[in-house]
Amino acid sequence: QLQLVESGGGLVQPGESLRLSCSASGFTLDYYAIGWFRQAPGKEREGVSCIRRSGLSTNYADSVKGRFTISRDNAKNTVYLQMNSLKPEDTAVYYCAAVLDGLRVGPHALCSLVSRMYAYWGQGTQVTVSS
């Protein structure tokens, strides 16, 4: 009943851009923190970016700072990951994930890039960056 669906992946050349979308079905994302994670073959899943409920704060892995931007549109029940200046090392399956954002957490606290903190996961979308 609670589903997340990623879209927007594809094959691009280095330096190009993609925008990934994470849409919810069966529930609203308004009160959830949303994270983007990626996993390349033979590697552990790593956190890429996350955004708190209502966009209170965002967090980025060092490897994508300045290149990726996370945003959310609550009216569309969707979270986006704009990926610019893509590099071959960005190649991976990208997943979005959601976790309830507790009201007791301060407004300036960062969301977590640790995958085990997230309860709901999409099935992933492939991003391939290659010449």
C-alpha atoms as a PDB file:
ATOM      1  CA  GLN A   1       0.000   0.000   0.000  1.00  0.00           C
ATOM      2  CA  LEU A   2       2.906   2.350   0.700  1.00  0.00           C
ATOM      3  CA  GLN A   3       4.909   2.582  -2.487  1.00  0.00           C
ATOM      4  CA  LEU A   4       7.686   4.768  -3.822  1.00  0.00           C
ATOM      5  CA  VAL A   5       8.447   4.806  -7.528  1.00  0.00           C
ATOM      6  CA  GLU A   6      11.597   6.259  -9.043  1.00  0.00           C
ATOM      7  CA  SER A   7      11.829   7.502 -12.603  1.00  0.00           C
ATOM      8  CA  GLY A   8      14.109   9.569 -14.805  1.00  0.00           C
ATOM      9  CA  GLY A   9      17.152   7.358 -15.044  1.00  0.00           C
ATOM     10  CA  GLY A  10      18.929   6.647 -18.276  1.00  0.00           C
ATOM     11  CA  LEU A  11      22.179   6.662 -20.199  1.00  0.00           C
ATOM     12  CA  VAL A  12      24.052   9.951 -20.461  1.00  0.00           C
ATOM     13  CA  GLN A  13      27.546  11.120 -21.283  1.00  0.00           C
ATOM     14  CA  PRO A  14      29.878  12.660 -18.706  1.00  0.00           C
ATOM     15  CA  GLY A  15      29.000  16.272 -18.016  1.00  0.00           C
ATOM     16  CA  GLU A  16      25.338  15.870 -18.869  1.00  0.00           C
ATOM     17  CA  SER A  17      22.352  16.058 -16.541  1.00  0.00           C
ATOM     18  CA  LEU A  18      19.437  13.980 -15.371  1.00  0.00           C
ATOM     19  CA  ARG A  19      16.527  14.647 -13.073  1.00  0.00           C
ATOM     20  CA  LEU A  20      15.240  11.769 -11.024  1.00  0.00           C
ATOM     21  CA  SER A  21      11.748  11.727  -9.568  1.00  0.00           C
ATOM     22  CA  CYS A  22      10.413   9.871  -6.567  1.00  0.00           C
ATOM     23  CA  SER A  23       6.645   9.663  -6.419  1.00  0.00           C
ATOM     24  CA  ALA A  24       4.530   8.231  -3.643  1.00  0.00           C
ATOM     25  CA  SER A  25       1.465   6.091  -3.972  1.00  0.00           C
ATOM     26  CA  GLY A  26      -0.877   5.301  -1.118  1.00  0.00           C
ATOM     27  CA  PHE A  27       0.436   7.947   1.259  1.00  0.00           C
ATOM     28  CA  THR A  28       1.576  11.540   1.315  1.00  0.00           C
ATOM     29  CA  LEU A  29       5.236  12.472   1.582  1.00  0.00           C
ATOM     30  CA  ASP A  30       4.524  15.687   3.472  1.00  0.00           C
ATOM     31  CA  TYR A  31       5.623  14.348   6.844  1.00  0.00           C
ATOM     32  CA  TYR A  32       8.474  12.161   5.666  1.00  0.00           C
ATOM     33  CA  ALA A  33      12.121  12.775   5.167  1.00  0.00           C
ATOM     34  CA  ILE A  34      13.156  11.473   1.758  1.00  0.00           C
ATOM     35  CA  GLY A  35      16.573  10.137   0.917  1.00  0.00           C
ATOM     36  CA  TRP A  36      18.269   9.246  -2.328  1.00  0.00           C
ATOM     37  CA  PHE A  37      20.692   6.349  -2.262  1.00  0.00           C
ATOM     38  CA  ARG A  38      22.700   4.593  -4.906  1.00  0.00           C
ATOM     39  CA  GLN A  39      24.354   1.255  -5.334  1.00  0.00           C
ATOM     40  CA  ALA A  40      26.904   0.309  -7.946  1.00  0.00           C
ATOM     41  CA  PRO A  41      27.759  -3.320  -8.749  1.00  0.00           C
ATOM     42  CA  GLY A  42      29.971  -4.824  -6.069  1.00  0.00           C
ATOM     43  CA  LYS A  43      29.682  -1.808  -3.800  1.00  0.00           C
ATOM     44  CA  GLU A  44      27.690  -0.987  -0.707  1.00  0.00           C
ATOM     45  CA  ARG A  45      24.663   1.233  -0.896  1.00  0.00           C
ATOM     46  CA  GLU A  46      25.573   4.822  -0.158  1.00  0.00           C
ATOM     47  CA  GLY A  47      23.561   7.860   0.757  1.00  0.00           C
ATOM     48  CA  VAL A  48      23.492  10.599  -1.862  1.00  0.00           C
ATOM     49  CA  SER A  49      21.120  13.242  -0.583  1.00  0.00           C
ATOM     50  CA  CYS A  50      18.101  13.728   1.617  1.00  0.00           C
ATOM     51  CA  ILE A  51      15.475  16.317   2.395  1.00  0.00           C
ATOM     52  CA  ARG A  52      13.388  16.761   5.504  1.00  0.00           C
ATOM     53  CA  ARG A  53       9.662  17.302   5.738  1.00  0.00           C
ATOM     54  CA  SER A  54       8.654  20.640   4.272  1.00  0.00           C
ATOM     55  CA  GLY A  55      12.227  21.101   3.088  1.00  0.00           C
ATOM     56  CA  LEU A  56      13.435  22.084   6.553  1.00  0.00           C
ATOM     57  CA  SER A  57      16.953  21.085   5.614  1.00  0.00           C
ATOM     58  CA  THR A  58      18.891  19.115   3.059  1.00  0.00           C
ATOM     59  CA  ASN A  59      21.987  16.977   3.204  1.00  0.00           C
ATOM     60  CA  TYR A  60      24.436  15.826   0.545  1.00  0.00           C
ATOM     61  CA  ALA A  61      27.268  13.393   0.288  1.00  0.00           C
ATOM     62  CA  ASP A  62      30.596  15.110  -0.273  1.00  0.00           C
ATOM     63  CA  SER A  63      30.924  13.409  -3.641  1.00  0.00           C
ATOM     64  CA  VAL A  64      27.854  15.177  -5.046  1.00  0.00           C
ATOM     65  CA  LYS A  65      27.918  18.562  -3.328  1.00  0.00           C
ATOM     66  CA  GLY A  66      27.677  21.358  -5.845  1.00  0.00           C
ATOM     67  CA  ARG A  67      26.428  19.005  -8.555  1.00  0.00           C
ATOM     68  CA  PHE A  68      23.209  17.490  -7.211  1.00  0.00           C
ATOM     69  CA  THR A  69      20.169  19.288  -5.836  1.00  0.00           C
ATOM     70  CA  ILE A  70      17.283  17.707  -3.967  1.00  0.00           C
ATOM     71  CA  SER A  71      13.857  19.320  -3.831  1.00  0.00           C
ATOM     72  CA  ARG A  72      10.276  18.416  -3.148  1.00  0.00           C
ATOM     73  CA  ASP A  73       6.869  19.365  -4.467  1.00  0.00           C
ATOM     74  CA  ASN A  74       4.292  18.357  -1.900  1.00  0.00           C
ATOM     75  CA  ALA A  75       1.416  19.225  -4.221  1.00  0.00           C
ATOM     76  CA  LYS A  76       2.664  16.565  -6.615  1.00  0.00           C
ATOM     77  CA  ASN A  77       3.695  14.206  -3.823  1.00  0.00           C
ATOM     78  CA  THR A  78       7.096  14.015  -5.473  1.00  0.00           C
ATOM     79  CA  VAL A  79      10.738  14.507  -4.570  1.00  0.00           C
ATOM     80  CA  TYR A  80      13.343  15.293  -7.202  1.00  0.00           C
ATOM     81  CA  LEU A  81      17.060  14.831  -7.530  1.00  0.00           C
ATOM     82  CA  GLN A  82      18.608  17.120 -10.110  1.00  0.00           C
ATOM     83  CA  MET A  83      21.952  15.677 -11.145  1.00  0.00           C
ATOM     84  CA  ASN A  84      24.302  17.940 -13.076  1.00  0.00           C
ATOM     85  CA  SER A  85      27.854  17.459 -14.296  1.00  0.00           C
ATOM     86  CA  LEU A  86      27.474  13.718 -14.109  1.00  0.00           C
ATOM     87  CA  LYS A  87      30.577  11.580 -13.834  1.00  0.00           C
ATOM     88  CA  PRO A  88      31.158   7.913 -14.657  1.00  0.00           C
ATOM     89  CA  GLU A  89      31.465   7.212 -10.937  1.00  0.00           C
ATOM     90  CA  ASP A  90      27.841   8.320 -10.547  1.00  0.00           C
ATOM     91  CA  THR A  91      26.772   5.197 -12.408  1.00  0.00           C
ATOM     92  CA  ALA A  92      24.515   3.156 -10.138  1.00  0.00           C
ATOM     93  CA  VAL A  93      20.977   2.132  -9.401  1.00  0.00           C
ATOM     94  CA  TYR A  94      19.382   5.043  -7.594  1.00  0.00           C
ATOM     95  CA  TYR A  95      16.774   4.455  -4.924  1.00  0.00           C
ATOM     96  CA  CYS A  96      14.529   6.802  -3.040  1.00  0.00           C
ATOM     97  CA  ALA A  97      13.479   6.042   0.496  1.00  0.00           C
ATOM     98  CA  ALA A  98      11.205   7.550   3.112  1.00  0.00           C
ATOM     99  CA  VAL A  99      11.043   7.729   6.876  1.00  0.00           C
ATOM    100  CA  LEU A 100       8.646   9.587   9.147  1.00  0.00           C
ATOM    101  CA  ASP A 101      10.187  12.865  10.228  1.00  0.00           C
ATOM    102  CA  GLY A 102       9.540  13.244  13.933  1.00  0.00           C
ATOM    103  CA  LEU A 103       8.104  16.534  15.087  1.00  0.00           C
ATOM    104  CA  ARG A 104      10.503  16.568  18.038  1.00  0.00           C
ATOM    105  CA  VAL A 105      13.514  16.917  15.755  1.00  0.00           C
ATOM    106  CA  GLY A 106      14.747  20.482  15.559  1.00  0.00           C
ATOM    107  CA  PRO A 107      14.098  22.464  12.375  1.00  0.00           C
ATOM    108  CA  HIS A 108      17.807  22.810  11.584  1.00  0.00           C
ATOM    109  CA  ALA A 109      18.769  19.192  12.114  1.00  0.00           C
ATOM    110  CA  LEU A 110      19.974  17.352   9.041  1.00  0.00           C
ATOM    111  CA  CYS A 111      18.328  14.267   7.641  1.00  0.00           C
ATOM    112  CA  SER A 112      20.312  11.054   7.652  1.00  0.00           C
ATOM    113  CA  LEU A 113      22.282   9.535   4.789  1.00  0.00           C
ATOM    114  CA  VAL A 114      22.397   6.167   6.536  1.00  0.00           C
ATOM    115  CA  SER A 115      20.237   3.695   4.649  1.00  0.00           C
ATOM    116  CA  ARG A 116      19.084   1.714   7.685  1.00  0.00           C
ATOM    117  CA  MET A 117      17.305   4.800   8.984  1.00  0.00           C
ATOM    118  CA  TYR A 118      14.734   4.598   6.189  1.00  0.00           C
ATOM    119  CA  ALA A 119      11.672   2.396   6.337  1.00  0.00           C
ATOM    120  CA  TYR A 120      10.191   2.553   2.836  1.00  0.00           C
ATOM    121  CA  TRP A 121      12.049   2.021  -0.417  1.00  0.00           C
ATOM    122  CA  GLY A 122      11.434   2.235  -4.110  1.00  0.00           C
ATOM    123  CA  GLN A 123      12.669  -0.329  -6.600  1.00  0.00           C
ATOM    124  CA  GLY A 124      15.333   1.858  -8.142  1.00  0.00           C
ATOM    125  CA  THR A 125      16.154   3.452 -11.463  1.00  0.00           C
ATOM    126  CA  GLN A 126      19.355   2.884 -13.414  1.00  0.00           C
ATOM    127  CA  VAL A 127      21.681   5.789 -14.095  1.00  0.00           C
ATOM    128  CA  THR A 128      24.577   5.112 -16.427  1.00  0.00           C
ATOM    129  CA  VAL A 129      27.195   7.751 -17.194  1.00  0.00           C
ATOM    130  CA  SER A 130      29.492   6.648 -19.966  1.00  0.00           C
ATOM    131  CA  SER A 131      31.234   7.842 -23.094  1.00  0.00           C
END
